[in-house]
Amino acid sequence: MLEVRSICKTFNPGTINEKKALTNVSLTLNDGDFCTVIGGNGAGKSTLLNAIAGVWPVDIGHIFIDDTDVSALSEHRRAKYLGRVFQDPMTGTAADMQILENMALAARRGKVRDLKWGVTHKDKEYYTELVSRLNLGLEDRMTMKVGLLSGGQRQALTLLMATMNKPKVLLLDEHTAALDPKTAAKVLESTDRIVNENHLTTLMVTHNMKDAIAHGNRLIMMNDGNIIYDVSGEEKKNLHVSDLLKKFEETGSANLSDRMILSSGDGSSEESKKD
């Protein structure tokens, strides 16, 4: 469903600020794969997602989505293939519009617009039913402006909007990083359910090593613009946080963020009991 073939990206080439963000990166995700991405600061995680989304063109290489070469497509032309949720809960929704109106906009993403009435009664029933699955009580507040929602509610709604048209690939760029642990867990629970129900091919960047292990069927680790570790299936299920920390030590990476270090020591989850 997604093939990244030998892509490279250098920012500010030929200057004192030159940064090789991606170096000959290749990655293939099969239909329905849920791959988590872990790495230190500057490892290339978000750069990889931005390359796939078409935020800027890669210097070398190709990107295929469902066997279509999208390498030359602009960001807005790739949007019909992709769903994306960002780290900031304020991104991805229109704050001054109602929940119902936001859902209607998401439903029409990538489709031809016309002058018909925006939300029919049938549409409203469908959107309300989808929102009810979030178990946040928002189905009773469909006319509320999204800007009045909490960060967790807004992020859950953004996730729903990004997936309602069943994108070819779902990109999650640290989408729970700005949330408190309890809210983050709820959003991740919704993520698992939506991804599984819709059989979505998903790439999720996270700073939390426990989350990287607990979610999805595959895990990759990045360092200095390269994929240095790729594990899936039973081998991934048997991973411990200590295994990931050891991998970081083997690479000599000194760029582990404070969030990554703190998340590795949190004893609140089942994963911590294995370490």
C-alpha atoms as a PDB file:
ATOM      1  CA  MET A   1       0.000   0.000   0.000  1.00  0.00           C
ATOM      2  CA  LEU A   2       2.941   2.328   0.690  1.00  0.00           C
ATOM      3  CA  GLU A   3       6.400   2.082  -0.808  1.00  0.00           C
ATOM      4  CA  VAL A   4       9.148   4.575  -0.038  1.00  0.00           C
ATOM      5  CA  ARG A   5      11.998   3.867  -2.417  1.00  0.00           C
ATOM      6  CA  SER A   6      15.510   5.212  -1.696  1.00  0.00           C
ATOM      7  CA  ILE A   7      14.472   8.755  -0.790  1.00  0.00           C
ATOM      8  CA  CYS A   8      16.903  11.468   0.284  1.00  0.00           C
ATOM      9  CA  LYS A   9      16.257  14.944   1.650  1.00  0.00           C
ATOM     10  CA  THR A  10      18.808  17.608   2.546  1.00  0.00           C
ATOM     11  CA  PHE A  11      17.786  20.967   3.956  1.00  0.00           C
ATOM     12  CA  ASN A  12      19.846  24.092   3.209  1.00  0.00           C
ATOM     13  CA  PRO A  13      22.286  22.256   0.915  1.00  0.00           C
ATOM     14  CA  GLY A  14      25.683  23.851   0.399  1.00  0.00           C
ATOM     15  CA  THR A  15      25.326  26.153   3.419  1.00  0.00           C
ATOM     16  CA  ILE A  16      26.665  26.130   6.951  1.00  0.00           C
ATOM     17  CA  ASN A  17      23.193  24.971   8.050  1.00  0.00           C
ATOM     18  CA  GLU A  18      23.114  21.947   5.744  1.00  0.00           C
ATOM     19  CA  LYS A  19      21.212  19.056   7.288  1.00  0.00           C
ATOM     20  CA  LYS A  20      20.866  15.606   5.729  1.00  0.00           C
ATOM     21  CA  ALA A  21      17.455  14.683   7.100  1.00  0.00           C
ATOM     22  CA  LEU A  22      16.843  11.479   5.115  1.00  0.00           C
ATOM     23  CA  THR A  23      19.539   9.309   3.546  1.00  0.00           C
ATOM     24  CA  ASN A  24      18.511   6.612   1.086  1.00  0.00           C
ATOM     25  CA  VAL A  25      15.443   5.598   3.129  1.00  0.00           C
ATOM     26  CA  SER A  26      13.352   2.694   1.853  1.00  0.00           C
ATOM     27  CA  LEU A  27      10.206   1.321   3.485  1.00  0.00           C
ATOM     28  CA  THR A  28       7.342  -0.870   2.307  1.00  0.00           C
ATOM     29  CA  LEU A  29       4.036  -1.222   4.163  1.00  0.00           C
ATOM     30  CA  ASN A  30       1.563  -3.891   3.115  1.00  0.00           C
ATOM     31  CA  ASP A  31      -2.174  -3.307   3.125  1.00  0.00           C
ATOM     32  CA  GLY A  32      -3.344  -3.064   6.743  1.00  0.00           C
ATOM     33  CA  ASP A  33       0.109  -2.740   8.316  1.00  0.00           C
ATOM     34  CA  PHE A  34       0.233  -0.545  11.428  1.00  0.00           C
ATOM     35  CA  CYS A  35       3.842   0.588  11.807  1.00  0.00           C
ATOM     36  CA  THR A  36       5.106   2.673  14.716  1.00  0.00           C
ATOM     37  CA  VAL A  37       8.172   4.886  14.278  1.00  0.00           C
ATOM     38  CA  ILE A  38      10.563   5.684  17.122  1.00  0.00           C
ATOM     39  CA  GLY A  39      13.767   7.715  17.218  1.00  0.00           C
ATOM     40  CA  GLY A  40      15.643  10.507  18.945  1.00  0.00           C
ATOM     41  CA  ASN A  41      15.565  14.216  18.149  1.00  0.00           C
ATOM     42  CA  GLY A  42      16.538  14.836  14.523  1.00  0.00           C
ATOM     43  CA  ALA A  43      16.298  11.158  13.626  1.00  0.00           C
ATOM     44  CA  GLY A  44      14.091  11.863  10.608  1.00  0.00           C
ATOM     45  CA  LYS A  45      10.724  10.615  11.887  1.00  0.00           C
ATOM     46  CA  SER A  46       8.573  13.631  11.099  1.00  0.00           C
ATOM     47  CA  THR A  47      10.674  14.365   8.016  1.00  0.00           C
ATOM     48  CA  LEU A  48       9.691  10.947   6.675  1.00  0.00           C
ATOM     49  CA  LEU A  49       5.992  11.635   7.259  1.00  0.00           C
ATOM     50  CA  ASN A  50       6.287  15.075   5.645  1.00  0.00           C
ATOM     51  CA  ALA A  51       7.978  13.500   2.624  1.00  0.00           C
ATOM     52  CA  ILE A  52       5.130  11.001   2.241  1.00  0.00           C
ATOM     53  CA  ALA A  53       2.544  13.774   2.666  1.00  0.00           C
ATOM     54  CA  GLY A  54       4.254  15.945   0.038  1.00  0.00           C
ATOM     55  CA  VAL A  55       4.963  18.899   2.311  1.00  0.00           C
ATOM     56  CA  TRP A  56       8.070  19.332   0.169  1.00  0.00           C
ATOM     57  CA  PRO A  57       9.630  17.269  -2.639  1.00  0.00           C
ATOM     58  CA  VAL A  58      12.365  14.752  -1.940  1.00  0.00           C
ATOM     59  CA  ASP A  59      15.748  15.260  -3.585  1.00  0.00           C
ATOM     60  CA  ILE A  60      16.065  11.694  -4.852  1.00  0.00           C
ATOM     61  CA  GLY A  61      13.834   8.626  -4.812  1.00  0.00           C
ATOM     62  CA  HIS A  62      10.172   7.772  -5.273  1.00  0.00           C
ATOM     63  CA  ILE A  63       7.054   7.362  -3.140  1.00  0.00           C
ATOM     64  CA  PHE A  64       4.246   5.028  -4.199  1.00  0.00           C
ATOM     65  CA  ILE A  65       0.784   4.831  -2.643  1.00  0.00           C
ATOM     66  CA  ASP A  66      -1.294   1.859  -3.783  1.00  0.00           C
ATOM     67  CA  ASP A  67       1.068   1.423  -6.778  1.00  0.00           C
ATOM     68  CA  THR A  68       0.636   5.075  -7.820  1.00  0.00           C
ATOM     69  CA  ASP A  69       3.823   7.147  -8.000  1.00  0.00           C
ATOM     70  CA  VAL A  70       2.948  10.312  -6.061  1.00  0.00           C
ATOM     71  CA  SER A  71       6.508  11.655  -5.924  1.00  0.00           C
ATOM     72  CA  ALA A  72       5.745  14.583  -8.238  1.00  0.00           C
ATOM     73  CA  LEU A  73       2.339  15.399  -6.730  1.00  0.00           C
ATOM     74  CA  SER A  74       1.871  18.480  -4.560  1.00  0.00           C
ATOM     75  CA  GLU A  75       0.641  18.188  -0.985  1.00  0.00           C
ATOM     76  CA  HIS A  76      -2.978  19.039  -1.815  1.00  0.00           C
ATOM     77  CA  ARG A  77      -3.070  16.547  -4.699  1.00  0.00           C
ATOM     78  CA  ARG A  78      -1.822  13.767  -2.426  1.00  0.00           C
ATOM     79  CA  ALA A  79      -4.482  14.576   0.166  1.00  0.00           C
ATOM     80  CA  LYS A  80      -7.028  12.268  -1.480  1.00  0.00           C
ATOM     81  CA  TYR A  81      -4.770   9.294  -0.703  1.00  0.00           C
ATOM     82  CA  LEU A  82      -3.902  10.263   2.861  1.00  0.00           C
ATOM     83  CA  GLY A  83      -5.371  10.879   6.286  1.00  0.00           C
ATOM     84  CA  ARG A  84      -3.222  12.812   8.738  1.00  0.00           C
ATOM     85  CA  VAL A  85      -3.350  13.777  12.404  1.00  0.00           C
ATOM     86  CA  PHE A  86      -0.802  16.227  13.793  1.00  0.00           C
ATOM     87  CA  GLN A  87       0.682  16.682  17.254  1.00  0.00           C
ATOM     88  CA  ASP A  88      -1.186  19.933  17.902  1.00  0.00           C
ATOM     89  CA  PRO A  89      -4.882  19.284  18.723  1.00  0.00           C
ATOM     90  CA  MET A  90      -5.663  22.723  17.269  1.00  0.00           C
ATOM     91  CA  THR A  91      -4.556  21.553  13.812  1.00  0.00           C
ATOM     92  CA  GLY A  92      -6.877  19.600  11.543  1.00  0.00           C
ATOM     93  CA  THR A  93     -10.224  21.126  12.523  1.00  0.00           C
ATOM     94  CA  ALA A  94     -11.956  24.486  12.019  1.00  0.00           C
ATOM     95  CA  ALA A  95     -12.342  25.979  15.499  1.00  0.00           C
ATOM     96  CA  ASP A  96     -15.152  28.400  14.583  1.00  0.00           C
ATOM     97  CA  MET A  97     -17.282  25.732  12.940  1.00  0.00           C
ATOM     98  CA  GLN A  98     -19.607  23.204  14.543  1.00  0.00           C
ATOM     99  CA  ILE A  99     -18.706  19.547  15.024  1.00  0.00           C
ATOM    100  CA  LEU A 100     -21.347  18.735  12.407  1.00  0.00           C
ATOM    101  CA  GLU A 101     -19.865  21.211   9.919  1.00  0.00           C
ATOM    102  CA  ASN A 102     -16.349  19.896  10.463  1.00  0.00           C
ATOM    103  CA  MET A 103     -17.562  16.368   9.787  1.00  0.00           C
ATOM    104  CA  ALA A 104     -19.241  17.547   6.582  1.00  0.00           C
ATOM    105  CA  LEU A 105     -16.020  19.178   5.389  1.00  0.00           C
ATOM    106  CA  ALA A 106     -14.053  16.001   6.099  1.00  0.00           C
ATOM    107  CA  ALA A 107     -16.603  13.872   4.235  1.00  0.00           C
ATOM    108  CA  ARG A 108     -16.138  15.999   1.116  1.00  0.00           C
ATOM    109  CA  ARG A 109     -12.364  15.992   1.194  1.00  0.00           C
ATOM    110  CA  GLY A 110     -10.930  15.212  -2.234  1.00  0.00           C
ATOM    111  CA  LYS A 111     -14.386  15.210  -3.861  1.00  0.00           C
ATOM    112  CA  VAL A 112     -15.954  17.588  -6.347  1.00  0.00           C
ATOM    113  CA  ARG A 113     -17.837  20.378  -4.543  1.00  0.00           C
ATOM    114  CA  ASP A 114     -21.228  21.669  -5.645  1.00  0.00           C
ATOM    115  CA  LEU A 115     -23.850  24.169  -4.501  1.00  0.00           C
ATOM    116  CA  LYS A 116     -26.174  21.686  -2.825  1.00  0.00           C
ATOM    117  CA  TRP A 117     -27.172  22.076   0.825  1.00  0.00           C
ATOM    118  CA  GLY A 118     -24.107  21.187   2.877  1.00  0.00           C
ATOM    119  CA  VAL A 119     -25.575  18.740   5.411  1.00  0.00           C
ATOM    120  CA  THR A 120     -28.665  16.648   4.693  1.00  0.00           C
ATOM    121  CA  HIS A 121     -30.707  14.924   7.376  1.00  0.00           C
ATOM    122  CA  LYS A 122     -29.216  11.603   6.297  1.00  0.00           C
ATOM    123  CA  ASP A 123     -25.703  13.070   6.539  1.00  0.00           C
ATOM    124  CA  LYS A 124     -26.411  14.374  10.034  1.00  0.00           C
ATOM    125  CA  GLU A 125     -27.569  10.954  11.227  1.00  0.00           C
ATOM    126  CA  TYR A 126     -24.466   9.321   9.774  1.00  0.00           C
ATOM    127  CA  TYR A 127     -22.031  11.841  11.290  1.00  0.00           C
ATOM    128  CA  THR A 128     -23.755  11.634  14.671  1.00  0.00           C
ATOM    129  CA  GLU A 129     -23.478   7.845  14.648  1.00  0.00           C
ATOM    130  CA  LEU A 130     -19.757   8.033  13.807  1.00  0.00           C
ATOM    131  CA  VAL A 131     -19.092  10.554  16.572  1.00  0.00           C
ATOM    132  CA  SER A 132     -20.973   8.400  19.087  1.00  0.00           C
ATOM    133  CA  ARG A 133     -18.359   5.660  18.592  1.00  0.00           C
ATOM    134  CA  LEU A 134     -15.768   7.895  20.227  1.00  0.00           C
ATOM    135  CA  ASN A 135     -17.624   7.424  23.537  1.00  0.00           C
ATOM    136  CA  LEU A 136     -17.050  11.057  24.494  1.00  0.00           C
ATOM    137  CA  GLY A 137     -20.677  12.191  24.589  1.00  0.00           C
ATOM    138  CA  LEU A 138     -20.123  14.520  21.631  1.00  0.00           C
ATOM    139  CA  GLU A 139     -23.021  13.020  19.672  1.00  0.00           C
ATOM    140  CA  ASP A 140     -25.315  15.150  21.862  1.00  0.00           C
ATOM    141  CA  ARG A 141     -23.348  18.323  21.065  1.00  0.00           C
ATOM    142  CA  MET A 142     -23.054  18.229  17.282  1.00  0.00           C
ATOM    143  CA  THR A 143     -23.820  21.965  16.973  1.00  0.00           C
ATOM    144  CA  MET A 144     -21.072  22.952  19.422  1.00  0.00           C
ATOM    145  CA  LYS A 145     -18.119  24.849  17.991  1.00  0.00           C
ATOM    146  CA  VAL A 146     -15.018  22.683  17.883  1.00  0.00           C
ATOM    147  CA  GLY A 147     -12.906  25.418  19.480  1.00  0.00           C
ATOM    148  CA  LEU A 148     -14.800  24.849  22.733  1.00  0.00           C
ATOM    149  CA  LEU A 149     -13.734  21.204  22.992  1.00  0.00           C
ATOM    150  CA  SER A 150     -10.870  19.967  25.151  1.00  0.00           C
ATOM    151  CA  GLY A 151      -7.586  18.999  23.499  1.00  0.00           C
ATOM    152  CA  GLY A 152      -8.362  15.299  23.810  1.00  0.00           C
ATOM    153  CA  GLN A 153     -11.877  15.656  22.410  1.00  0.00           C
ATOM    154  CA  ARG A 154     -10.584  17.699  19.509  1.00  0.00           C
ATOM    155  CA  GLN A 155      -7.799  15.233  18.745  1.00  0.00           C
ATOM    156  CA  ALA A 156     -10.233  12.310  18.810  1.00  0.00           C
ATOM    157  CA  LEU A 157     -12.520  14.207  16.441  1.00  0.00           C
ATOM    158  CA  THR A 158      -9.571  15.001  14.150  1.00  0.00           C
ATOM    159  CA  LEU A 159      -8.703  11.298  14.068  1.00  0.00           C
ATOM    160  CA  LEU A 160     -12.283  10.446  13.115  1.00  0.00           C
ATOM    161  CA  MET A 161     -12.315  13.102  10.386  1.00  0.00           C
ATOM    162  CA  ALA A 162      -8.979  11.908   8.978  1.00  0.00           C
ATOM    163  CA  THR A 163     -10.239   8.336   8.641  1.00  0.00           C
ATOM    164  CA  MET A 164     -13.910   8.638   7.683  1.00  0.00           C
ATOM    165  CA  ASN A 165     -13.136   8.347   3.951  1.00  0.00           C
ATOM    166  CA  LYS A 166     -10.841   5.352   4.547  1.00  0.00           C
ATOM    167  CA  PRO A 167      -7.552   6.831   3.275  1.00  0.00           C
ATOM    168  CA  LYS A 168      -5.004   4.634   1.541  1.00  0.00           C
ATOM    169  CA  VAL A 169      -2.467   5.577   4.236  1.00  0.00           C
ATOM    170  CA  LEU A 170      -3.001   7.147   7.668  1.00  0.00           C
ATOM    171  CA  LEU A 171      -0.156   9.306   9.032  1.00  0.00           C
ATOM    172  CA  LEU A 172      -0.074   9.980  12.778  1.00  0.00           C
ATOM    173  CA  ASP A 173       2.619  12.471  13.759  1.00  0.00           C
ATOM    174  CA  GLU A 174       2.944  12.186  17.567  1.00  0.00           C
ATOM    175  CA  HIS A 175      -0.808  12.719  17.754  1.00  0.00           C
ATOM    176  CA  THR A 176      -0.992  12.087  21.511  1.00  0.00           C
ATOM    177  CA  ALA A 177       2.170  13.953  22.570  1.00  0.00           C
ATOM    178  CA  ALA A 178       0.320  17.118  23.635  1.00  0.00           C
ATOM    179  CA  LEU A 179      -2.221  15.219  25.748  1.00  0.00           C
ATOM    180  CA  ASP A 180      -2.120  14.111  29.375  1.00  0.00           C
ATOM    181  CA  PRO A 181      -1.478  10.364  29.860  1.00  0.00           C
ATOM    182  CA  LYS A 182      -5.102   9.440  30.593  1.00  0.00           C
ATOM    183  CA  THR A 183      -6.443  11.337  27.579  1.00  0.00           C
ATOM    184  CA  ALA A 184      -3.624  10.023  25.379  1.00  0.00           C
ATOM    185  CA  ALA A 185      -4.577   6.460  26.310  1.00  0.00           C
ATOM    186  CA  LYS A 186      -8.201   7.098  25.262  1.00  0.00           C
ATOM    187  CA  VAL A 187      -7.123   8.555  21.915  1.00  0.00           C
ATOM    188  CA  LEU A 188      -4.793   5.597  21.318  1.00  0.00           C
ATOM    189  CA  GLU A 189      -7.645   3.225  22.143  1.00  0.00           C
ATOM    190  CA  SER A 190      -9.782   4.966  19.527  1.00  0.00           C
ATOM    191  CA  THR A 191      -6.846   4.826  17.109  1.00  0.00           C
ATOM    192  CA  ASP A 192      -6.515   1.054  17.470  1.00  0.00           C
ATOM    193  CA  ARG A 193     -10.246   0.521  17.021  1.00  0.00           C
ATOM    194  CA  ILE A 194     -10.573   2.768  13.957  1.00  0.00           C
ATOM    195  CA  VAL A 195      -7.441   1.362  12.295  1.00  0.00           C
ATOM    196  CA  ASN A 196      -8.546  -2.231  12.891  1.00  0.00           C
ATOM    197  CA  GLU A 197     -12.193  -1.728  11.888  1.00  0.00           C
ATOM    198  CA  ASN A 198     -11.213  -0.034   8.626  1.00  0.00           C
ATOM    199  CA  HIS A 199      -8.094  -2.115   7.942  1.00  0.00           C
ATOM    200  CA  LEU A 200      -6.064   1.080   7.491  1.00  0.00           C
ATOM    201  CA  THR A 201      -2.397   1.103   6.539  1.00  0.00           C
ATOM    202  CA  THR A 202      -0.907   3.316   9.236  1.00  0.00           C
ATOM    203  CA  LEU A 203       2.395   4.987  10.069  1.00  0.00           C
ATOM    204  CA  MET A 204       2.511   6.379  13.632  1.00  0.00           C
ATOM    205  CA  VAL A 205       5.414   8.467  14.916  1.00  0.00           C
ATOM    206  CA  THR A 206       5.697   8.458  18.702  1.00  0.00           C
ATOM    207  CA  HIS A 207       8.213   9.516  21.347  1.00  0.00           C
ATOM    208  CA  ASN A 208       6.770   6.973  23.774  1.00  0.00           C
ATOM    209  CA  MET A 209       8.626   3.661  23.580  1.00  0.00           C
ATOM    210  CA  LYS A 210       5.886   1.766  25.426  1.00  0.00           C
ATOM    211  CA  ASP A 211       3.296   2.996  22.940  1.00  0.00           C
ATOM    212  CA  ALA A 212       5.563   2.067  20.034  1.00  0.00           C
ATOM    213  CA  ILE A 213       5.716  -1.495  21.356  1.00  0.00           C
ATOM    214  CA  ALA A 214       2.075  -1.809  22.437  1.00  0.00           C
ATOM    215  CA  HIS A 215       0.462  -0.593  19.207  1.00  0.00           C
ATOM    216  CA  GLY A 216       0.656  -1.911  15.680  1.00  0.00           C
ATOM    217  CA  ASN A 217       2.196  -5.005  14.132  1.00  0.00           C
ATOM    218  CA  ARG A 218       5.520  -3.454  13.154  1.00  0.00           C
ATOM    219  CA  LEU A 219       8.098  -1.063  14.612  1.00  0.00           C
ATOM    220  CA  ILE A 220      10.947   0.825  12.983  1.00  0.00           C
ATOM    221  CA  MET A 221      13.651   2.864  14.672  1.00  0.00           C
ATOM    222  CA  MET A 222      15.317   5.808  12.933  1.00  0.00           C
ATOM    223  CA  ASN A 223      18.642   7.503  13.585  1.00  0.00           C
ATOM    224  CA  ASP A 224      20.429  10.224  11.575  1.00  0.00           C
ATOM    225  CA  GLY A 225      17.985   9.963   8.697  1.00  0.00           C
ATOM    226  CA  ASN A 226      18.176   6.190   8.359  1.00  0.00           C
ATOM    227  CA  ILE A 227      16.047   3.207   9.394  1.00  0.00           C
ATOM    228  CA  ILE A 228      18.336   1.260  11.709  1.00  0.00           C
ATOM    229  CA  TYR A 229      15.922  -1.302  13.152  1.00  0.00           C
ATOM    230  CA  ASP A 230      12.822  -2.968  11.721  1.00  0.00           C
ATOM    231  CA  VAL A 231      10.870  -5.548  13.694  1.00  0.00           C
ATOM    232  CA  SER A 232       7.409  -7.094  13.312  1.00  0.00           C
ATOM    233  CA  GLY A 233       5.148  -9.957  14.324  1.00  0.00           C
ATOM    234  CA  GLU A 234       6.003 -12.067  17.353  1.00  0.00           C
ATOM    235  CA  GLU A 235       9.433 -10.498  17.656  1.00  0.00           C
ATOM    236  CA  LYS A 236       7.811  -7.087  18.127  1.00  0.00           C
ATOM    237  CA  LYS A 237       5.294  -8.464  20.638  1.00  0.00           C
ATOM    238  CA  ASN A 238       8.171  -9.764  22.749  1.00  0.00           C
ATOM    239  CA  LEU A 239      10.051  -6.452  22.780  1.00  0.00           C
ATOM    240  CA  HIS A 240      10.761  -4.618  26.049  1.00  0.00           C
ATOM    241  CA  VAL A 241      11.575  -0.941  26.447  1.00  0.00           C
ATOM    242  CA  SER A 242      15.014  -2.047  27.611  1.00  0.00           C
ATOM    243  CA  ASP A 243      15.543  -3.646  24.179  1.00  0.00           C
ATOM    244  CA  LEU A 244      14.889  -0.325  22.468  1.00  0.00           C
ATOM    245  CA  LEU A 245      17.155   1.534  24.867  1.00  0.00           C
ATOM    246  CA  LYS A 246      19.898  -0.972  24.119  1.00  0.00           C
ATOM    247  CA  LYS A 247      19.442  -0.357  20.387  1.00  0.00           C
ATOM    248  CA  PHE A 248      19.801   3.371  20.960  1.00  0.00           C
ATOM    249  CA  GLU A 249      22.991   2.760  22.931  1.00  0.00           C
ATOM    250  CA  GLU A 250      24.379   0.567  20.137  1.00  0.00           C
ATOM    251  CA  THR A 251      23.921   3.389  17.632  1.00  0.00           C
ATOM    252  CA  GLY A 252      25.629   5.880  19.946  1.00  0.00           C
ATOM    253  CA  SER A 253      22.592   8.116  19.765  1.00  0.00           C
ATOM    254  CA  ALA A 254      22.793  11.035  22.192  1.00  0.00           C
ATOM    255  CA  ASN A 255      19.596  12.641  20.954  1.00  0.00           C
ATOM    256  CA  LEU A 256      16.987  10.925  23.096  1.00  0.00           C
ATOM    257  CA  SER A 257      14.472  13.560  24.118  1.00  0.00           C
ATOM    258  CA  ASP A 258      13.444  14.112  27.721  1.00  0.00           C
ATOM    259  CA  ARG A 259       9.974  12.844  26.798  1.00  0.00           C
ATOM    260  CA  MET A 260      11.399   9.566  25.525  1.00  0.00           C
ATOM    261  CA  ILE A 261      13.512   9.070  28.629  1.00  0.00           C
ATOM    262  CA  LEU A 262      10.614   9.876  30.953  1.00  0.00           C
ATOM    263  CA  SER A 263       8.199   7.612  29.071  1.00  0.00           C
ATOM    264  CA  SER A 264      10.629   4.699  29.345  1.00  0.00           C
ATOM    265  CA  GLY A 265      10.540   4.965  33.121  1.00  0.00           C
ATOM    266  CA  ASP A 266       6.790   5.307  33.644  1.00  0.00           C
ATOM    267  CA  GLY A 267       5.594   2.287  35.584  1.00  0.00           C
ATOM    268  CA  SER A 268       1.892   2.769  34.980  1.00  0.00           C
ATOM    269  CA  SER A 269       1.437   0.414  32.025  1.00  0.00           C
ATOM    270  CA  GLU A 270       1.568  -3.304  31.561  1.00  0.00           C
ATOM    271  CA  GLU A 271       4.680  -2.909  29.455  1.00  0.00           C
ATOM    272  CA  SER A 272       6.640  -1.549  32.404  1.00  0.00           C
ATOM    273  CA  LYS A 273       5.968  -4.777  34.305  1.00  0.00           C
ATOM    274  CA  LYS A 274       8.047  -6.621  31.754  1.00  0.00           C
ATOM    275  CA  ASP A 275      11.097  -4.379  32.250  1.00  0.00           C
END
